[in-house]
Amino acid sequence: MGNWQRSRWSAAQMEGIARNYPDATNTGLLCGELVGLDVDTPDAETADAIRAMVMELPGSDRAPYRMGKAPKTLFAFRATEPREKRATGAYLINGAKCQVEAFGERTQFVAFGTHPDTGRPYEWFNGRNTVGRASGNHTRGDRRIVGSGGGVLRRARDAD
């Protein structure tokens, strides 16, 4: 589907898309002002360390988060201004690719549907149906997590 990054569809248009693409059953959310802070590591100890860093961000105690294949976790934040995607490098830890990403403009994350590896629905936690606007400090917080997360990933890789 072309130009999805800039599209804003009405309910009627979405119904047409659903009819034309019946096999497209997962729903992604477009990022920019919405930031998906993705702790993409299957190593539990490494994921715990990075999630602890995320929990230090202002508003993180209210941030909804989803899991599709634990311990991988994606936190949803609203930013004070749109931003570009940022990511650590990819590291092999215990034979698995690990990375931390902050999804920004022209990117999306899967919010609802079925995880391709587990065959189970994505689950949301923290009891929120909305994503609160983060304080101005969070604007830089995702950059700090991506920067520091790279260090955590490197140390875990080197210990492997």
Protein backbone atom coordinates (compact mmCIF):
# COMPACT_ATOMS: atom_id res chain seq x y z
CA MET A 1 0.00 0.00 0.00
CA GLY A 2 1.78 3.10 -1.23
CA ASN A 3 2.36 6.28 0.75
CA TRP A 4 0.94 4.83 4.00
CA GLN A 5 3.38 6.98 5.98
CA ARG A 6 1.52 10.15 4.99
CA SER A 7 -2.01 8.77 4.69
CA ARG A 8 -4.92 9.76 6.91
CA TRP A 9 -7.88 7.52 6.18
CA SER A 10 -11.52 7.93 7.12
CA ALA A 11 -13.57 5.06 8.58
CA ALA A 12 -15.16 4.45 5.17
CA GLN A 13 -11.74 4.28 3.51
CA MET A 14 -10.56 1.83 6.16
CA GLU A 15 -13.55 -0.41 5.44
CA GLY A 16 -12.57 -0.43 1.77
CA ILE A 17 -8.97 -1.24 2.61
CA ALA A 18 -10.13 -4.12 4.83
CA ARG A 19 -12.20 -5.52 1.95
CA ASN A 20 -9.34 -5.18 -0.55
CA TYR A 21 -6.71 -6.64 1.79
CA PRO A 22 -8.52 -9.36 3.78
CA ASP A 23 -5.24 -11.05 4.77
CA ALA A 24 -3.86 -7.86 6.34
CA THR A 25 -5.16 -8.52 9.84
CA ASN A 26 -2.60 -6.68 11.99
CA THR A 27 -2.95 -2.98 12.76
CA GLY A 28 0.03 -0.64 12.87
CA LEU A 29 0.17 2.81 14.43
CA LEU A 30 1.97 5.57 12.59
CA CYS A 31 4.71 7.23 14.62
CA GLY A 32 5.98 10.79 14.80
CA GLU A 33 4.24 12.44 17.73
CA LEU A 34 3.61 8.90 18.88
CA VAL A 35 6.91 7.22 19.79
CA GLY A 36 7.23 3.46 20.06
CA LEU A 37 10.20 2.76 22.33
CA ASP A 38 11.01 -0.84 21.40
CA VAL A 39 13.12 -3.01 23.71
CA ASP A 40 13.76 -5.67 21.07
CA THR A 41 15.82 -8.26 22.91
CA PRO A 42 14.85 -11.85 23.69
CA ASP A 43 17.53 -12.02 26.41
CA ALA A 44 15.59 -11.57 29.68
CA GLU A 45 18.43 -10.05 31.72
CA THR A 46 19.26 -7.51 29.01
CA ALA A 47 15.58 -6.66 28.47
CA ASP A 48 15.13 -6.10 32.23
CA ALA A 49 18.12 -3.72 32.31
CA ILE A 50 16.82 -1.63 29.41
CA ARG A 51 13.21 -1.62 30.72
CA ALA A 52 14.56 -0.30 34.04
CA MET A 53 16.14 2.60 32.13
CA VAL A 54 12.83 3.27 30.36
CA MET A 55 11.02 3.34 33.71
CA GLU A 56 13.23 6.29 34.75
CA LEU A 57 11.67 8.48 32.03
CA PRO A 58 9.02 11.01 33.09
CA GLY A 59 5.55 9.53 32.56
CA SER A 60 6.83 5.99 32.07
CA ASP A 61 4.72 4.72 34.97
CA ARG A 62 1.64 5.66 32.91
CA ALA A 63 2.96 4.49 29.54
CA PRO A 64 1.04 1.63 27.99
CA TYR A 65 3.26 -1.17 26.77
CA ARG A 66 2.72 -4.22 24.64
CA MET A 67 4.28 -7.61 24.32
CA GLY A 68 4.03 -10.09 21.52
CA LYS A 69 7.03 -12.28 22.28
CA ALA A 70 8.23 -11.68 25.83
CA PRO A 71 10.56 -10.39 27.14
CA LYS A 72 10.55 -8.05 24.12
CA THR A 73 8.53 -4.95 25.04
CA LEU A 74 7.33 -1.83 23.22
CA PHE A 75 6.40 1.28 25.24
CA ALA A 76 4.11 3.91 23.69
CA PHE A 77 4.75 7.59 24.44
CA ARG A 78 3.41 10.81 22.94
CA ALA A 79 6.18 13.27 22.28
CA THR A 80 6.03 17.02 22.56
CA GLU A 81 7.11 17.22 18.91
CA PRO A 82 7.52 14.75 16.03
CA ARG A 83 10.92 13.18 15.68
CA GLU A 84 12.87 10.84 13.45
CA LYS A 85 13.53 7.21 14.23
CA ARG A 86 16.61 6.41 16.32
CA ALA A 87 18.13 3.01 16.96
CA THR A 88 21.11 1.30 18.52
CA GLY A 89 23.20 -0.96 16.41
CA ALA A 90 22.13 -4.60 16.27
CA TYR A 91 23.98 -6.94 18.61
CA LEU A 92 24.06 -10.73 18.84
CA ILE A 93 23.44 -11.81 22.44
CA ASN A 94 23.15 -15.54 23.13
CA GLY A 95 22.79 -16.01 19.37
CA ALA A 96 19.81 -13.64 19.02
CA LYS A 97 19.64 -10.18 17.42
CA CYS A 98 19.05 -7.45 20.00
CA GLN A 99 18.35 -3.77 19.42
CA VAL A 100 16.62 -0.76 20.97
CA GLU A 101 14.61 1.48 18.64
CA ALA A 102 12.60 4.66 19.09
CA PHE A 103 10.15 4.65 16.18
CA GLY A 104 9.55 8.13 14.78
CA GLU A 105 8.24 9.83 11.65
CA ARG A 106 7.47 7.62 8.62
CA THR A 107 7.65 4.45 10.71
CA GLN A 108 5.05 2.35 12.44
CA PHE A 109 4.76 -0.44 14.97
CA VAL A 110 2.24 -3.26 15.08
CA ALA A 111 -0.21 -2.46 17.85
CA PHE A 112 -2.93 -5.06 17.39
CA GLY A 113 -3.11 -8.44 15.73
CA THR A 114 -1.20 -11.70 15.86
CA HIS A 115 2.53 -12.00 16.46
CA PRO A 116 4.07 -13.89 13.51
CA ASP A 117 6.38 -16.05 15.67
CA THR A 118 4.08 -16.94 18.59
CA GLY A 119 0.77 -17.03 16.73
CA ARG A 120 -0.74 -15.24 19.74
CA PRO A 121 -2.33 -11.79 19.95
CA TYR A 122 -0.24 -8.82 20.98
CA GLU A 123 -1.11 -7.91 24.59
CA TRP A 124 -1.27 -4.40 26.06
CA PHE A 125 -0.56 -3.68 29.71
CA ASN A 126 -0.75 -0.76 32.14
CA GLY A 127 -4.51 -0.38 31.87
CA ARG A 128 -4.55 2.62 29.57
CA ASN A 129 -6.43 3.06 26.33
CA THR A 130 -4.74 6.38 25.64
CA VAL A 131 -1.16 7.49 25.44
CA GLY A 132 -0.40 10.48 27.65
CA ARG A 133 1.75 13.33 26.42
CA ALA A 134 5.17 13.07 27.93
CA SER A 135 6.86 16.02 29.59
CA GLY A 136 9.41 18.08 27.69
CA ASN A 137 12.13 15.98 29.32
CA HIS A 138 10.91 12.93 27.45
CA THR A 139 11.70 14.61 24.14
CA ARG A 140 15.32 13.85 24.93
CA GLY A 141 14.53 10.72 26.96
CA ASP A 142 14.12 8.40 24.00
CA ARG A 143 17.49 9.59 22.67
CA ARG A 144 19.07 8.83 26.05
CA ILE A 145 17.55 5.34 26.16
CA VAL A 146 18.76 4.53 22.65
CA GLY A 147 22.23 5.84 23.49
CA SER A 148 22.48 4.08 26.85
CA GLY A 149 20.72 0.98 25.55
CA GLY A 150 23.54 0.48 23.08
CA GLY A 151 25.97 0.28 26.00
CA VAL A 152 23.80 -2.30 27.77
CA LEU A 153 23.61 -4.38 24.59
CA ARG A 154 27.39 -4.17 24.04
CA ARG A 155 28.12 -5.30 27.61
CA ALA A 156 25.66 -8.20 27.32
CA ARG A 157 27.15 -9.22 23.97
CA ASP A 158 30.69 -9.07 25.36
CA ALA A 159 29.68 -11.21 28.35
CA ASP A 160 28.14 -13.81 26.02
